[in-house]
PDB file of all heavy atoms in Angstrom:
ATOM      1  N   PRO A   1     109.136 102.944 122.136  1.00  0.00           N
ATOM      2  CA  PRO A   1     108.957 102.451 120.764  1.00  0.00           C
ATOM      3  C   PRO A   1     110.237 102.557 119.943  1.00  0.00           C
ATOM      4  O   PRO A   1     111.064 103.448 120.160  1.00  0.00           O
ATOM      5  CB  PRO A   1     107.866 103.373 120.207  1.00  0.00           C
ATOM      6  CG  PRO A   1     107.091 103.797 121.416  1.00  0.00           C
ATOM      7  CD  PRO A   1     108.105 103.928 122.517  1.00  0.00           C
ATOM      8  N   GLU A   2     110.389 101.652 119.018  1.00  0.00           N
ATOM      9  CA  GLU A   2     111.587 101.590 118.190  1.00  0.00           C
ATOM     10  C   GLU A   2     111.768 102.874 117.389  1.00  0.00           C
ATOM     11  O   GLU A   2     110.847 103.355 116.743  1.00  0.00           O
ATOM     12  CB  GLU A   2     111.469 100.394 117.233  1.00  0.00           C
ATOM     13  CG  GLU A   2     112.700 100.081 116.443  1.00  0.00           C
ATOM     14  CD  GLU A   2     112.555  98.781 115.679  1.00  0.00           C
ATOM     15  OE1 GLU A   2     111.498  98.588 115.040  1.00  0.00           O
ATOM     16  OE2 GLU A   2     113.475  97.951 115.714  1.00  0.00           O
ATOM     17  N   LYS A   3     112.971 103.434 117.435  1.00  0.00           N
ATOM     18  CA  LYS A   3     113.255 104.697 116.740  1.00  0.00           C
ATOM     19  C   LYS A   3     113.811 104.469 115.328  1.00  0.00           C
ATOM     20  O   LYS A   3     113.763 105.377 114.497  1.00  0.00           O
ATOM     21  CB  LYS A   3     114.247 105.517 117.568  1.00  0.00           C
ATOM     22  CG  LYS A   3     113.690 105.941 118.916  1.00  0.00           C
ATOM     23  CD  LYS A   3     114.764 106.510 119.837  1.00  0.00           C
ATOM     24  CE  LYS A   3     115.302 107.835 119.337  1.00  0.00           C
ATOM     25  NZ  LYS A   3     116.247 108.444 120.322  1.00  0.00           N
ATOM     26  N   ASP A   4     114.390 103.301 115.080  1.00  0.00           N
ATOM     27  CA  ASP A   4     114.946 102.997 113.760  1.00  0.00           C
ATOM     28  C   ASP A   4     114.814 101.497 113.540  1.00  0.00           C
ATOM     29  O   ASP A   4     115.327 100.705 114.341  1.00  0.00           O
ATOM     30  CB  ASP A   4     116.412 103.419 113.670  1.00  0.00           C
ATOM     31  CG  ASP A   4     116.939 103.445 112.244  1.00  0.00           C
ATOM     32  OD1 ASP A   4     116.579 102.539 111.468  1.00  0.00           O
ATOM     33  OD2 ASP A   4     117.715 104.361 111.920  1.00  0.00           O
ATOM     34  N   SER A   5     114.128 101.091 112.486  1.00  0.00           N
ATOM     35  CA  SER A   5     113.839  99.676 112.268  1.00  0.00           C
ATOM     36  C   SER A   5     114.952  98.932 111.538  1.00  0.00           C
ATOM     37  O   SER A   5     114.937  97.704 111.469  1.00  0.00           O
ATOM     38  CB  SER A   5     112.531  99.515 111.478  1.00  0.00           C
ATOM     39  OG  SER A   5     112.639 100.157 110.216  1.00  0.00           O
ATOM     40  N   SER A   6     115.930  99.644 110.999  1.00  0.00           N
ATOM     41  CA  SER A   6     117.005  98.980 110.268  1.00  0.00           C
ATOM     42  C   SER A   6     117.963  98.303 111.247  1.00  0.00           C
ATOM     43  O   SER A   6     118.255  98.826 112.323  1.00  0.00           O
ATOM     44  CB  SER A   6     117.785  99.988 109.420  1.00  0.00           C
ATOM     45  OG  SER A   6     118.891  99.356 108.792  1.00  0.00           O
ATOM     46  N   ILE A   7     118.470  97.119 110.869  1.00  0.00           N
ATOM     47  CA  ILE A   7     119.466  96.444 111.688  1.00  0.00           C
ATOM     48  C   ILE A   7     120.845  96.513 111.024  1.00  0.00           C
ATOM     49  O   ILE A   7     121.779  95.835 111.451  1.00  0.00           O
ATOM     50  CB  ILE A   7     119.089  94.978 111.970  1.00  0.00           C
ATOM     51  CG1 ILE A   7     118.966  94.181 110.667  1.00  0.00           C
ATOM     52  CG2 ILE A   7     117.804  94.906 112.779  1.00  0.00           C
ATOM     53  CD1 ILE A   7     118.801  92.687 110.913  1.00  0.00           C
ATOM     54  N   VAL A   8     120.965  97.333 109.980  1.00  0.00           N
ATOM     55  CA  VAL A   8     122.247  97.559 109.309  1.00  0.00           C
ATOM     56  C   VAL A   8     122.806  98.884 109.835  1.00  0.00           C
ATOM     57  O   VAL A   8     122.164  99.933 109.708  1.00  0.00           O
ATOM     58  CB  VAL A   8     122.082  97.612 107.777  1.00  0.00           C
ATOM     59  CG1 VAL A   8     123.435  97.864 107.099  1.00  0.00           C
ATOM     60  CG2 VAL A   8     121.460  96.321 107.269  1.00  0.00           C
ATOM     61  N   GLU A   9     123.987  98.821 110.420  1.00  0.00           N
ATOM     62  CA  GLU A   9     124.540  99.995 111.079  1.00  0.00           C
ATOM     63  C   GLU A   9     124.654 101.212 110.167  1.00  0.00           C
ATOM     64  O   GLU A   9     124.378 102.343 110.568  1.00  0.00           O
ATOM     65  CB  GLU A   9     125.912  99.660 111.663  1.00  0.00           C
ATOM     66  CG  GLU A   9     125.839  98.771 112.891  1.00  0.00           C
ATOM     67  CD  GLU A   9     127.128  98.803 113.671  1.00  0.00           C
ATOM     68  OE1 GLU A   9     127.580  99.910 114.009  1.00  0.00           O
ATOM     69  OE2 GLU A   9     127.690  97.725 113.928  1.00  0.00           O
ATOM     70  N   THR A  10     125.069 100.996 108.915  1.00  0.00           N
ATOM     71  CA  THR A  10     125.262 102.125 108.015  1.00  0.00           C
ATOM     72  C   THR A  10     123.955 102.788 107.622  1.00  0.00           C
ATOM     73  O   THR A  10     123.964 103.904 107.099  1.00  0.00           O
ATOM     74  CB  THR A  10     126.005 101.663 106.748  1.00  0.00           C
ATOM     75  OG1 THR A  10     125.276 100.576 106.139  1.00  0.00           O
ATOM     76  CG2 THR A  10     127.408 101.197 107.082  1.00  0.00           C
ATOM     77  N   ARG A  11     122.846 102.127 107.850  1.00  0.00           N
ATOM     78  CA  ARG A  11     121.544 102.686 107.495  1.00  0.00           C
ATOM     79  C   ARG A  11     120.816 103.307 108.693  1.00  0.00           C
ATOM     80  O   ARG A  11     119.776 103.924 108.526  1.00  0.00           O
ATOM     81  CB  ARG A  11     120.647 101.593 106.885  1.00  0.00           C
ATOM     82  CG  ARG A  11     121.159 101.026 105.566  1.00  0.00           C
ATOM     83  CD  ARG A  11     120.232  99.938 105.057  1.00  0.00           C
ATOM     84  NE  ARG A  11     120.673  99.401 103.793  1.00  0.00           N
ATOM     85  CZ  ARG A  11     120.354  99.890 102.594  1.00  0.00           C
ATOM     86  NH1 ARG A  11     119.567 100.960 102.524  1.00  0.00           N
ATOM     87  NH2 ARG A  11     120.800  99.330 101.487  1.00  0.00           N
ATOM     88  N   ARG A  12     121.343 103.120 109.871  1.00  0.00           N
ATOM     89  CA  ARG A  12     120.666 103.578 111.069  1.00  0.00           C
ATOM     90  C   ARG A  12     120.996 105.033 111.390  1.00  0.00           C
ATOM     91  O   ARG A  12     122.107 105.515 111.126  1.00  0.00           O
ATOM     92  CB  ARG A  12     121.038 102.708 112.277  1.00  0.00           C
ATOM     93  CG  ARG A  12     120.464 101.305 112.210  1.00  0.00           C
ATOM     94  CD  ARG A  12     120.896 100.489 113.416  1.00  0.00           C
ATOM     95  NE  ARG A  12     120.432 101.074 114.673  1.00  0.00           N
ATOM     96  CZ  ARG A  12     119.238 100.847 115.213  1.00  0.00           C
ATOM     97  NH1 ARG A  12     118.376 100.051 114.595  1.00  0.00           N
ATOM     98  NH2 ARG A  12     118.896 101.404 116.361  1.00  0.00           N
ATOM     99  N   SER A  13     120.047 105.718 112.012  1.00  0.00           N
ATOM    100  CA  SER A  13     120.261 107.091 112.451  1.00  0.00           C
ATOM    101  C   SER A  13     121.050 107.096 113.756  1.00  0.00           C
ATOM    102  O   SER A  13     120.749 106.317 114.676  1.00  0.00           O
ATOM    103  CB  SER A  13     118.918 107.788 112.668  1.00  0.00           C
ATOM    104  OG  SER A  13     119.083 109.005 113.369  1.00  0.00           O
ATOM    105  N   PRO A  14     122.042 107.973 113.884  1.00  0.00           N
ATOM    106  CA  PRO A  14     122.777 108.078 115.154  1.00  0.00           C
ATOM    107  C   PRO A  14     121.872 108.436 116.325  1.00  0.00           C
ATOM    108  O   PRO A  14     122.206 108.157 117.488  1.00  0.00           O
ATOM    109  CB  PRO A  14     123.799 109.189 114.876  1.00  0.00           C
ATOM    110  CG  PRO A  14     123.957 109.205 113.385  1.00  0.00           C
ATOM    111  CD  PRO A  14     122.604 108.852 112.846  1.00  0.00           C
ATOM    112  N   GLU A  15     120.724 109.055 116.038  1.00  0.00           N
ATOM    113  CA  GLU A  15     119.800 109.437 117.105  1.00  0.00           C
ATOM    114  C   GLU A  15     119.159 108.222 117.767  1.00  0.00           C
ATOM    115  O   GLU A  15     118.546 108.353 118.828  1.00  0.00           O
ATOM    116  CB  GLU A  15     118.713 110.355 116.547  1.00  0.00           C
ATOM    117  CG  GLU A  15     119.250 111.696 116.051  1.00  0.00           C
ATOM    118  CD  GLU A  15     118.160 112.587 115.504  1.00  0.00           C
ATOM    119  OE1 GLU A  15     116.995 112.123 115.448  1.00  0.00           O
ATOM    120  OE2 GLU A  15     118.454 113.738 115.144  1.00  0.00           O
ATOM    121  N   ALA A  16     119.296 107.046 117.143  1.00  0.00           N
ATOM    122  CA  ALA A  16     118.724 105.822 117.714  1.00  0.00           C
ATOM    123  C   ALA A  16     119.743 105.035 118.528  1.00  0.00           C
ATOM    124  O   ALA A  16     119.445 103.938 119.000  1.00  0.00           O
ATOM    125  CB  ALA A  16     118.162 104.938 116.600  1.00  0.00           C
ATOM    126  N   ASN A  17     120.952 105.591 118.708  1.00  0.00           N
ATOM    127  CA  ASN A  17     121.996 104.859 119.431  1.00  0.00           C
ATOM    128  C   ASN A  17     121.693 104.676 120.908  1.00  0.00           C
ATOM    129  O   ASN A  17     122.317 103.849 121.578  1.00  0.00           O
ATOM    130  CB  ASN A  17     123.348 105.564 119.271  1.00  0.00           C
ATOM    131  CG  ASN A  17     123.998 105.264 117.936  1.00  0.00           C
ATOM    132  OD1 ASN A  17     123.608 104.326 117.238  1.00  0.00           O
ATOM    133  ND2 ASN A  17     124.978 106.075 117.559  1.00  0.00           N
ATOM    134  N   ASN A  18     120.738 105.445 121.455  1.00  0.00           N
ATOM    135  CA  ASN A  18     120.381 105.231 122.855  1.00  0.00           C
ATOM    136  C   ASN A  18     119.501 103.993 123.037  1.00  0.00           C
ATOM    137  O   ASN A  18     119.090 103.675 124.154  1.00  0.00           O
ATOM    138  CB  ASN A  18     119.681 106.465 123.446  1.00  0.00           C
ATOM    139  CG  ASN A  18     118.332 106.726 122.815  1.00  0.00           C
ATOM    140  OD1 ASN A  18     118.145 106.526 121.615  1.00  0.00           O
ATOM    141  ND2 ASN A  18     117.388 107.176 123.625  1.00  0.00           N
ATOM    142  N   GLN A  19     119.237 103.285 121.930  1.00  0.00           N
ATOM    143  CA  GLN A  19     118.537 102.006 121.999  1.00  0.00           C
ATOM    144  C   GLN A  19     119.463 100.849 121.590  1.00  0.00           C
ATOM    145  O   GLN A  19     118.998  99.751 121.300  1.00  0.00           O
ATOM    146  CB  GLN A  19     117.298 102.028 121.104  1.00  0.00           C
ATOM    147  CG  GLN A  19     116.249 103.035 121.552  1.00  0.00           C
ATOM    148  CD  GLN A  19     114.976 102.986 120.726  1.00  0.00           C
ATOM    149  OE1 GLN A  19     114.985 102.601 119.548  1.00  0.00           O
ATOM    150  NE2 GLN A  19     113.862 103.360 121.329  1.00  0.00           N
ATOM    151  N   VAL A  20     120.756 101.117 121.582  1.00  0.00           N
ATOM    152  CA  VAL A  20     121.743 100.126 121.167  1.00  0.00           C
ATOM    153  C   VAL A  20     122.693  99.839 122.332  1.00  0.00           C
ATOM    154  O   VAL A  20     123.094 100.755 123.060  1.00  0.00           O
ATOM    155  CB  VAL A  20     122.543 100.613 119.936  1.00  0.00           C
ATOM    156  CG1 VAL A  20     123.595  99.583 119.525  1.00  0.00           C
ATOM    157  CG2 VAL A  20     121.599 100.902 118.770  1.00  0.00           C
ATOM    158  N   TYR A  21     123.100  98.550 122.465  1.00  0.00           N
ATOM    159  CA  TYR A  21     123.917  98.133 123.602  1.00  0.00           C
ATOM    160  C   TYR A  21     125.041  97.204 123.144  1.00  0.00           C
ATOM    161  O   TYR A  21     125.052  96.717 122.013  1.00  0.00           O
ATOM    162  CB  TYR A  21     123.037  97.442 124.654  1.00  0.00           C
ATOM    163  CG  TYR A  21     121.951  98.367 125.129  1.00  0.00           C
ATOM    164  CD1 TYR A  21     120.740  98.453 124.437  1.00  0.00           C
ATOM    165  CD2 TYR A  21     122.152  99.200 126.212  1.00  0.00           C
ATOM    166  CE1 TYR A  21     119.756  99.351 124.826  1.00  0.00           C
ATOM    167  CE2 TYR A  21     121.173 100.103 126.615  1.00  0.00           C
ATOM    168  CZ  TYR A  21     119.985 100.177 125.922  1.00  0.00           C
ATOM    169  OH  TYR A  21     119.029 101.080 126.286  1.00  0.00           O
ATOM    170  N   PHE A  22     125.976  96.949 124.052  1.00  0.00           N
ATOM    171  CA  PHE A  22     127.062  96.020 123.777  1.00  0.00           C
ATOM    172  C   PHE A  22     127.620  95.505 125.095  1.00  0.00           C
ATOM    173  O   PHE A  22     127.384  96.099 126.155  1.00  0.00           O
ATOM    174  CB  PHE A  22     128.170  96.691 122.954  1.00  0.00           C
ATOM    175  CG  PHE A  22     128.884  97.817 123.668  1.00  0.00           C
ATOM    176  CD1 PHE A  22     130.087  97.592 124.344  1.00  0.00           C
ATOM    177  CD2 PHE A  22     128.365  99.110 123.664  1.00  0.00           C
ATOM    178  CE1 PHE A  22     130.742  98.628 125.011  1.00  0.00           C
ATOM    179  CE2 PHE A  22     129.019 100.157 124.321  1.00  0.00           C
ATOM    180  CZ  PHE A  22     130.211  99.912 125.000  1.00  0.00           C
ATOM    181  N   ILE A  23     128.350  94.391 125.031  1.00  0.00           N
ATOM    182  CA  ILE A  23     129.051  93.861 126.189  1.00  0.00           C
ATOM    183  C   ILE A  23     130.505  94.279 126.067  1.00  0.00           C
ATOM    184  O   ILE A  23     131.163  93.982 125.066  1.00  0.00           O
ATOM    185  CB  ILE A  23     128.949  92.326 126.258  1.00  0.00           C
ATOM    186  CG1 ILE A  23     127.485  91.880 126.353  1.00  0.00           C
ATOM    187  CG2 ILE A  23     129.744  91.791 127.448  1.00  0.00           C
ATOM    188  CD1 ILE A  23     126.764  92.294 127.614  1.00  0.00           C
ATOM    189  N   ASP A  24     131.028  94.984 127.089  1.00  0.00           N
ATOM    190  CA  ASP A  24     132.409  95.463 126.995  1.00  0.00           C
ATOM    191  C   ASP A  24     133.393  94.377 127.433  1.00  0.00           C
ATOM    192  O   ASP A  24     133.000  93.246 127.773  1.00  0.00           O
ATOM    193  CB  ASP A  24     132.594  96.766 127.769  1.00  0.00           C
ATOM    194  CG  ASP A  24     132.591  96.570 129.285  1.00  0.00           C
ATOM    195  OD1 ASP A  24     132.480  95.422 129.760  1.00  0.00           O
ATOM    196  OD2 ASP A  24     132.703  97.580 130.004  1.00  0.00           O
ATOM    197  N   THR A  25     134.679  94.707 127.425  1.00  0.00           N
ATOM    198  CA  THR A  25     135.712  93.714 127.710  1.00  0.00           C
ATOM    199  C   THR A  25     135.700  93.220 129.149  1.00  0.00           C
ATOM    200  O   THR A  25     136.301  92.188 129.466  1.00  0.00           O
ATOM    201  CB  THR A  25     137.104  94.291 127.381  1.00  0.00           C
ATOM    202  OG1 THR A  25     137.275  95.528 128.093  1.00  0.00           O
ATOM    203  CG2 THR A  25     137.237  94.549 125.889  1.00  0.00           C
ATOM    204  N   SER A  26     135.019  93.943 130.052  1.00  0.00           N
ATOM    205  CA  SER A  26     134.908  93.487 131.438  1.00  0.00           C
ATOM    206  C   SER A  26     133.674  92.619 131.646  1.00  0.00           C
ATOM    207  O   SER A  26     133.467  92.078 132.738  1.00  0.00           O
ATOM    208  CB  SER A  26     134.840  94.690 132.393  1.00  0.00           C
ATOM    209  OG  SER A  26     133.583  95.356 132.285  1.00  0.00           O
ATOM    210  N   GLY A  27     132.846  92.498 130.610  1.00  0.00           N
ATOM    211  CA  GLY A  27     131.624  91.711 130.710  1.00  0.00           C
ATOM    212  C   GLY A  27     130.405  92.512 131.106  1.00  0.00           C
ATOM    213  O   GLY A  27     129.328  91.942 131.331  1.00  0.00           O
ATOM    214  N   ALA A  28     130.521  93.847 131.192  1.00  0.00           N
ATOM    215  CA  ALA A  28     129.395  94.698 131.589  1.00  0.00           C
ATOM    216  C   ALA A  28     128.518  95.016 130.385  1.00  0.00           C
ATOM    217  O   ALA A  28     129.002  95.175 129.261  1.00  0.00           O
ATOM    218  CB  ALA A  28     129.903  95.988 132.223  1.00  0.00           C
ATOM    219  N   LEU A  29     127.210  95.117 130.629  1.00  0.00           N
ATOM    220  CA  LEU A  29     126.270  95.576 129.608  1.00  0.00           C
ATOM    221  C   LEU A  29     126.359  97.092 129.534  1.00  0.00           C
ATOM    222  O   LEU A  29     126.253  97.773 130.563  1.00  0.00           O
ATOM    223  CB  LEU A  29     124.851  95.135 129.973  1.00  0.00           C
ATOM    224  CG  LEU A  29     123.725  95.589 129.047  1.00  0.00           C
ATOM    225  CD1 LEU A  29     123.878  94.990 127.649  1.00  0.00           C
ATOM    226  CD2 LEU A  29     122.362  95.206 129.638  1.00  0.00           C
ATOM    227  N   CYS A  30     126.561  97.637 128.329  1.00  0.00           N
ATOM    228  CA  CYS A  30     126.810  99.074 128.176  1.00  0.00           C
ATOM    229  C   CYS A  30     125.895  99.692 127.123  1.00  0.00           C
ATOM    230  O   CYS A  30     125.455  99.030 126.180  1.00  0.00           O
ATOM    231  CB  CYS A  30     128.264  99.329 127.783  1.00  0.00           C
ATOM    232  SG  CYS A  30     129.474  98.703 128.953  1.00  0.00           S
ATOM    233  N   SER A  31     125.649 100.990 127.286  1.00  0.00           N
ATOM    234  CA  SER A  31     124.899 101.777 126.319  1.00  0.00           C
ATOM    235  C   SER A  31     125.843 102.314 125.254  1.00  0.00           C
ATOM    236  O   SER A  31     126.899 102.871 125.585  1.00  0.00           O
ATOM    237  CB  SER A  31     124.191 102.947 127.027  1.00  0.00           C
ATOM    238  OG  SER A  31     123.836 103.959 126.113  1.00  0.00           O
ATOM    239  N   ARG A  32     125.464 102.182 123.996  1.00  0.00           N
ATOM    240  CA  ARG A  32     126.307 102.701 122.915  1.00  0.00           C
ATOM    241  C   ARG A  32     126.349 104.218 122.938  1.00  0.00           C
ATOM    242  O   ARG A  32     127.422 104.818 122.775  1.00  0.00           O
ATOM    243  CB  ARG A  32     125.793 102.219 121.562  1.00  0.00           C
ATOM    244  CG  ARG A  32     126.629 102.738 120.401  1.00  0.00           C
ATOM    245  CD  ARG A  32     126.171 102.181 119.070  1.00  0.00           C
ATOM    246  NE  ARG A  32     127.084 102.578 117.995  1.00  0.00           N
ATOM    247  CZ  ARG A  32     126.987 102.171 116.734  1.00  0.00           C
ATOM    248  NH1 ARG A  32     126.008 101.342 116.386  1.00  0.00           N
ATOM    249  NH2 ARG A  32     127.857 102.577 115.832  1.00  0.00           N
ATOM    250  N   SER A  33     125.215 104.858 123.132  1.00  0.00           N
ATOM    251  CA  SER A  33     125.170 106.323 123.061  1.00  0.00           C
ATOM    252  C   SER A  33     125.903 106.969 124.227  1.00  0.00           C
ATOM    253  O   SER A  33     126.641 107.938 124.056  1.00  0.00           O
ATOM    254  CB  SER A  33     123.717 106.812 123.016  1.00  0.00           C
ATOM    255  OG  SER A  33     123.020 106.440 124.195  1.00  0.00           O
ATOM    256  N   ALA A  34     125.725 106.458 125.412  1.00  0.00           N
ATOM    257  CA  ALA A  34     126.335 107.058 126.609  1.00  0.00           C
ATOM    258  C   ALA A  34     127.758 106.552 126.817  1.00  0.00           C
ATOM    259  O   ALA A  34     128.590 107.258 127.387  1.00  0.00           O
ATOM    260  CB  ALA A  34     125.487 106.755 127.839  1.00  0.00           C
ATOM    261  N   GLY A  35     128.029 105.321 126.390  1.00  0.00           N
ATOM    262  CA  GLY A  35     129.336 104.732 126.624  1.00  0.00           C
ATOM    263  C   GLY A  35     129.513 104.210 128.034  1.00  0.00           C
ATOM    264  O   GLY A  35     130.594 103.744 128.398  1.00  0.00           O
ATOM    265  N   HIS A  36     128.456 104.271 128.844  1.00  0.00           N
ATOM    266  CA  HIS A  36     128.533 103.841 130.236  1.00  0.00           C
ATOM    267  C   HIS A  36     127.831 102.503 130.442  1.00  0.00           C
ATOM    268  O   HIS A  36     126.988 102.087 129.638  1.00  0.00           O
ATOM    269  CB  HIS A  36     127.918 104.893 131.157  1.00  0.00           C
ATOM    270  CG  HIS A  36     128.613 106.211 131.099  1.00  0.00           C
ATOM    271  ND1 HIS A  36     129.942 106.374 131.437  1.00  0.00           N
ATOM    272  CD2 HIS A  36     128.173 107.448 130.731  1.00  0.00           C
ATOM    273  CE1 HIS A  36     130.296 107.631 131.281  1.00  0.00           C
ATOM    274  NE2 HIS A  36     129.235 108.315 130.855  1.00  0.00           N
ATOM    275  N   ALA A  37     128.164 101.851 131.545  1.00  0.00           N
ATOM    276  CA  ALA A  37     127.589 100.550 131.859  1.00  0.00           C
ATOM    277  C   ALA A  37     126.193 100.702 132.456  1.00  0.00           C
ATOM    278  O   ALA A  37     125.780 101.794 132.860  1.00  0.00           O
ATOM    279  CB  ALA A  37     128.506  99.798 132.820  1.00  0.00           C
ATOM    280  N   ILE A  38     125.489  99.571 132.516  1.00  0.00           N
ATOM    281  CA  ILE A  38     124.154  99.524 133.111  1.00  0.00           C
ATOM    282  C   ILE A  38     124.269  98.914 134.505  1.00  0.00           C
ATOM    283  O   ILE A  38     124.924  97.890 134.693  1.00  0.00           O
ATOM    284  CB  ILE A  38     123.190  98.685 132.246  1.00  0.00           C
ATOM    285  CG1 ILE A  38     123.240  99.135 130.779  1.00  0.00           C
ATOM    286  CG2 ILE A  38     121.771  98.781 132.795  1.00  0.00           C
ATOM    287  CD1 ILE A  38     122.936 100.590 130.549  1.00  0.00           C
ATOM    288  N   ASP A  39     123.608  99.540 135.467  1.00  0.00           N
ATOM    289  CA  ASP A  39     123.628  99.081 136.851  1.00  0.00           C
ATOM    290  C   ASP A  39     122.187  98.911 137.324  1.00  0.00           C
ATOM    291  O   ASP A  39     121.236  99.356 136.660  1.00  0.00           O
ATOM    292  CB  ASP A  39     124.365 100.116 137.717  1.00  0.00           C
ATOM    293  CG  ASP A  39     124.728  99.587 139.100  1.00  0.00           C
ATOM    294  OD1 ASP A  39     124.569  98.368 139.342  1.00  0.00           O
ATOM    295  OD2 ASP A  39     125.180 100.395 139.937  1.00  0.00           O
TER     296      ASP A  39
END
């Protein structure tokens, strides 16, 4: 279940970062909280 409903970064709790992702410069899907890629 969603831990933080805000989509504005400055309003979000850091504890919800394990539900946030990004695409890094190599094209890998990564976890924001862990900093590691998804396999």
